[in-house]
Amino acid sequence: MTKKKNQTDKFLNLTWDDLNEWAGSSIVRRGEKYYKQGRVSGLAKAGDSTIIAWVKGSEKYATKVVIGRGGLLESVCTCPYALGCKHGVATVLAYLEQIKKNTLVP
């Protein structure tokens, strides 16, 4: 993941360091594993700074990730962890992969 210049999609400016700072390296690794296992579904964009998805863990969790003030990541999830969780990381990685493939995210 490298920095890209795109003023209309704030997620494209994220780096691995940003993800690690937000969720911690252990959670990022677990989220990456969830992403690679194809656990993210229903991915959608809500404006230039919010993405949402369902992520399958022990249950199916609703996850929302926002780039807030100062470009900092924030998330809310229906999992017990709720904030900065692996489901949020998986959602971000799934979104960035769709953009990389030039796939439209609704």
C-alpha atoms as a PDB file:
ATOM      1  CA  MET A   1       0.000   0.000   0.000  1.00  0.00           C
ATOM      2  CA  THR A   2       1.507   3.303  -1.044  1.00  0.00           C
ATOM      3  CA  LYS A   3       0.316   6.852  -0.747  1.00  0.00           C
ATOM      4  CA  LYS A   4      -1.677   8.020  -3.716  1.00  0.00           C
ATOM      5  CA  LYS A   5      -2.819  11.520  -4.458  1.00  0.00           C
ATOM      6  CA  ASN A   6      -6.587  11.645  -4.776  1.00  0.00           C
ATOM      7  CA  GLN A   7      -8.538  14.399  -3.101  1.00  0.00           C
ATOM      8  CA  THR A   8     -11.947  12.778  -3.609  1.00  0.00           C
ATOM      9  CA  ASP A   9     -11.202   9.492  -1.828  1.00  0.00           C
ATOM     10  CA  LYS A  10      -9.419   9.874   1.476  1.00  0.00           C
ATOM     11  CA  PHE A  11      -8.857   6.120   1.818  1.00  0.00           C
ATOM     12  CA  LEU A  12      -6.398   6.141  -1.075  1.00  0.00           C
ATOM     13  CA  ASN A  13      -3.950   8.130   1.038  1.00  0.00           C
ATOM     14  CA  LEU A  14      -3.663   5.436   3.726  1.00  0.00           C
ATOM     15  CA  THR A  15      -0.401   3.639   4.422  1.00  0.00           C
ATOM     16  CA  TRP A  16       0.391   0.470   6.395  1.00  0.00           C
ATOM     17  CA  ASP A  17       1.769   2.781   9.097  1.00  0.00           C
ATOM     18  CA  ASP A  18      -1.630   4.494   9.320  1.00  0.00           C
ATOM     19  CA  LEU A  19      -3.359   1.133   9.804  1.00  0.00           C
ATOM     20  CA  ASN A  20      -0.850   0.038  12.443  1.00  0.00           C
ATOM     21  CA  GLU A  21      -1.164   3.325  14.304  1.00  0.00           C
ATOM     22  CA  TRP A  22      -4.955   3.020  14.278  1.00  0.00           C
ATOM     23  CA  ALA A  23      -5.457  -0.620  15.218  1.00  0.00           C
ATOM     24  CA  GLY A  24      -2.048  -1.933  16.267  1.00  0.00           C
ATOM     25  CA  SER A  25       0.089  -4.391  14.345  1.00  0.00           C
ATOM     26  CA  SER A  26      -1.515  -7.508  15.863  1.00  0.00           C
ATOM     27  CA  ILE A  27      -5.043  -6.396  14.907  1.00  0.00           C
ATOM     28  CA  VAL A  28      -3.839  -5.361  11.438  1.00  0.00           C
ATOM     29  CA  ARG A  29      -2.370  -8.840  10.871  1.00  0.00           C
ATOM     30  CA  ARG A  30      -5.627 -10.469  12.010  1.00  0.00           C
ATOM     31  CA  GLY A  31      -7.679  -8.117   9.825  1.00  0.00           C
ATOM     32  CA  GLU A  32      -5.457  -8.863   6.841  1.00  0.00           C
ATOM     33  CA  LYS A  33      -6.050 -12.581   7.424  1.00  0.00           C
ATOM     34  CA  TYR A  34      -9.840 -12.013   7.503  1.00  0.00           C
ATOM     35  CA  TYR A  35      -9.620 -10.002   4.289  1.00  0.00           C
ATOM     36  CA  LYS A  36      -7.542 -12.709   2.544  1.00  0.00           C
ATOM     37  CA  GLN A  37     -10.036 -15.368   3.696  1.00  0.00           C
ATOM     38  CA  GLY A  38     -12.800 -13.497   1.869  1.00  0.00           C
ATOM     39  CA  ARG A  39     -14.794 -12.662   4.971  1.00  0.00           C
ATOM     40  CA  VAL A  40     -15.851  -9.185   3.777  1.00  0.00           C
ATOM     41  CA  SER A  41     -19.183  -8.806   1.953  1.00  0.00           C
ATOM     42  CA  GLY A  42     -21.639  -6.058   1.136  1.00  0.00           C
ATOM     43  CA  LEU A  43     -18.874  -3.496   0.808  1.00  0.00           C
ATOM     44  CA  ALA A  44     -20.205   0.000   0.100  1.00  0.00           C
ATOM     45  CA  LYS A  45     -18.999   3.598   0.088  1.00  0.00           C
ATOM     46  CA  ALA A  46     -20.858   6.359   1.895  1.00  0.00           C
ATOM     47  CA  GLY A  47     -19.205   9.599   0.804  1.00  0.00           C
ATOM     48  CA  ASP A  48     -15.496  10.193   0.381  1.00  0.00           C
ATOM     49  CA  SER A  49     -14.594   9.311   3.961  1.00  0.00           C
ATOM     50  CA  THR A  50     -16.837   6.377   4.986  1.00  0.00           C
ATOM     51  CA  ILE A  51     -17.024   2.718   3.989  1.00  0.00           C
ATOM     52  CA  ILE A  52     -19.287   0.006   5.361  1.00  0.00           C
ATOM     53  CA  ALA A  53     -19.363  -3.781   5.096  1.00  0.00           C
ATOM     54  CA  TRP A  54     -20.415  -7.034   6.674  1.00  0.00           C
ATOM     55  CA  VAL A  55     -17.516  -9.090   8.002  1.00  0.00           C
ATOM     56  CA  LYS A  56     -17.862 -12.743   8.971  1.00  0.00           C
ATOM     57  CA  GLY A  57     -16.229 -13.606  12.276  1.00  0.00           C
ATOM     58  CA  SER A  58     -17.807 -15.841  14.889  1.00  0.00           C
ATOM     59  CA  GLU A  59     -20.938 -13.976  13.720  1.00  0.00           C
ATOM     60  CA  LYS A  60     -21.653 -11.578  10.858  1.00  0.00           C
ATOM     61  CA  TYR A  61     -20.665  -8.073  12.020  1.00  0.00           C
ATOM     62  CA  ALA A  62     -21.689  -4.703  10.600  1.00  0.00           C
ATOM     63  CA  THR A  63     -18.600  -2.538  10.274  1.00  0.00           C
ATOM     64  CA  LYS A  64     -18.220   1.157   9.473  1.00  0.00           C
ATOM     65  CA  VAL A  65     -14.855   2.857   8.941  1.00  0.00           C
ATOM     66  CA  VAL A  66     -14.473   6.612   8.681  1.00  0.00           C
ATOM     67  CA  ILE A  67     -11.539   8.876   8.017  1.00  0.00           C
ATOM     68  CA  GLY A  68     -12.159  11.532  10.619  1.00  0.00           C
ATOM     69  CA  ARG A  69     -10.601  14.832  11.517  1.00  0.00           C
ATOM     70  CA  GLY A  70      -6.936  15.100  10.753  1.00  0.00           C
ATOM     71  CA  GLY A  71      -7.081  12.055   8.493  1.00  0.00           C
ATOM     72  CA  LEU A  72      -7.325   9.642  11.423  1.00  0.00           C
ATOM     73  CA  LEU A  73      -9.183   6.362  11.059  1.00  0.00           C
ATOM     74  CA  GLU A  74     -12.198   5.686  13.234  1.00  0.00           C
ATOM     75  CA  SER A  75     -14.468   2.656  13.196  1.00  0.00           C
ATOM     76  CA  VAL A  76     -17.569   1.205  14.751  1.00  0.00           C
ATOM     77  CA  CYS A  77     -18.392  -2.491  14.628  1.00  0.00           C
ATOM     78  CA  THR A  78     -21.086  -4.676  16.128  1.00  0.00           C
ATOM     79  CA  CYS A  79     -18.413  -7.087  17.407  1.00  0.00           C
ATOM     80  CA  PRO A  80     -17.559  -7.138  21.131  1.00  0.00           C
ATOM     81  CA  TYR A  81     -14.328  -5.193  20.473  1.00  0.00           C
ATOM     82  CA  ALA A  82     -16.332  -2.429  18.714  1.00  0.00           C
ATOM     83  CA  LEU A  83     -13.535   0.077  17.914  1.00  0.00           C
ATOM     84  CA  GLY A  84     -10.392  -0.355  15.799  1.00  0.00           C
ATOM     85  CA  CYS A  85     -11.052  -4.056  15.325  1.00  0.00           C
ATOM     86  CA  LYS A  86      -9.875  -6.658  12.806  1.00  0.00           C
ATOM     87  CA  HIS A  87     -13.241  -6.358  11.034  1.00  0.00           C
ATOM     88  CA  GLY A  88     -12.549  -2.680  10.370  1.00  0.00           C
ATOM     89  CA  VAL A  89      -9.074  -3.470   9.057  1.00  0.00           C
ATOM     90  CA  ALA A  90     -10.487  -6.188   6.776  1.00  0.00           C
ATOM     91  CA  THR A  91     -13.062  -3.700   5.472  1.00  0.00           C
ATOM     92  CA  VAL A  92     -10.385  -1.120   4.608  1.00  0.00           C
ATOM     93  CA  LEU A  93      -8.201  -3.710   2.872  1.00  0.00           C
ATOM     94  CA  ALA A  94     -11.142  -5.071   0.868  1.00  0.00           C
ATOM     95  CA  TYR A  95     -12.058  -1.558  -0.222  1.00  0.00           C
ATOM     96  CA  LEU A  96      -8.519  -0.683  -1.277  1.00  0.00           C
ATOM     97  CA  GLU A  97      -8.248  -3.926  -3.261  1.00  0.00           C
ATOM     98  CA  GLN A  98     -11.468  -3.131  -5.135  1.00  0.00           C
ATOM     99  CA  ILE A  99     -10.121   0.310  -6.012  1.00  0.00           C
ATOM    100  CA  LYS A 100      -6.803  -1.223  -7.108  1.00  0.00           C
ATOM    101  CA  LYS A 101      -8.740  -3.527  -9.460  1.00  0.00           C
ATOM    102  CA  ASN A 102     -10.782  -0.559 -10.770  1.00  0.00           C
ATOM    103  CA  THR A 103     -13.937  -2.246  -9.466  1.00  0.00           C
ATOM    104  CA  LEU A 104     -16.818   0.065  -8.675  1.00  0.00           C
ATOM    105  CA  VAL A 105     -17.782   0.071  -5.003  1.00  0.00           C
ATOM    106  CA  PRO A 106     -21.443   1.092  -4.656  1.00  0.00           C
END
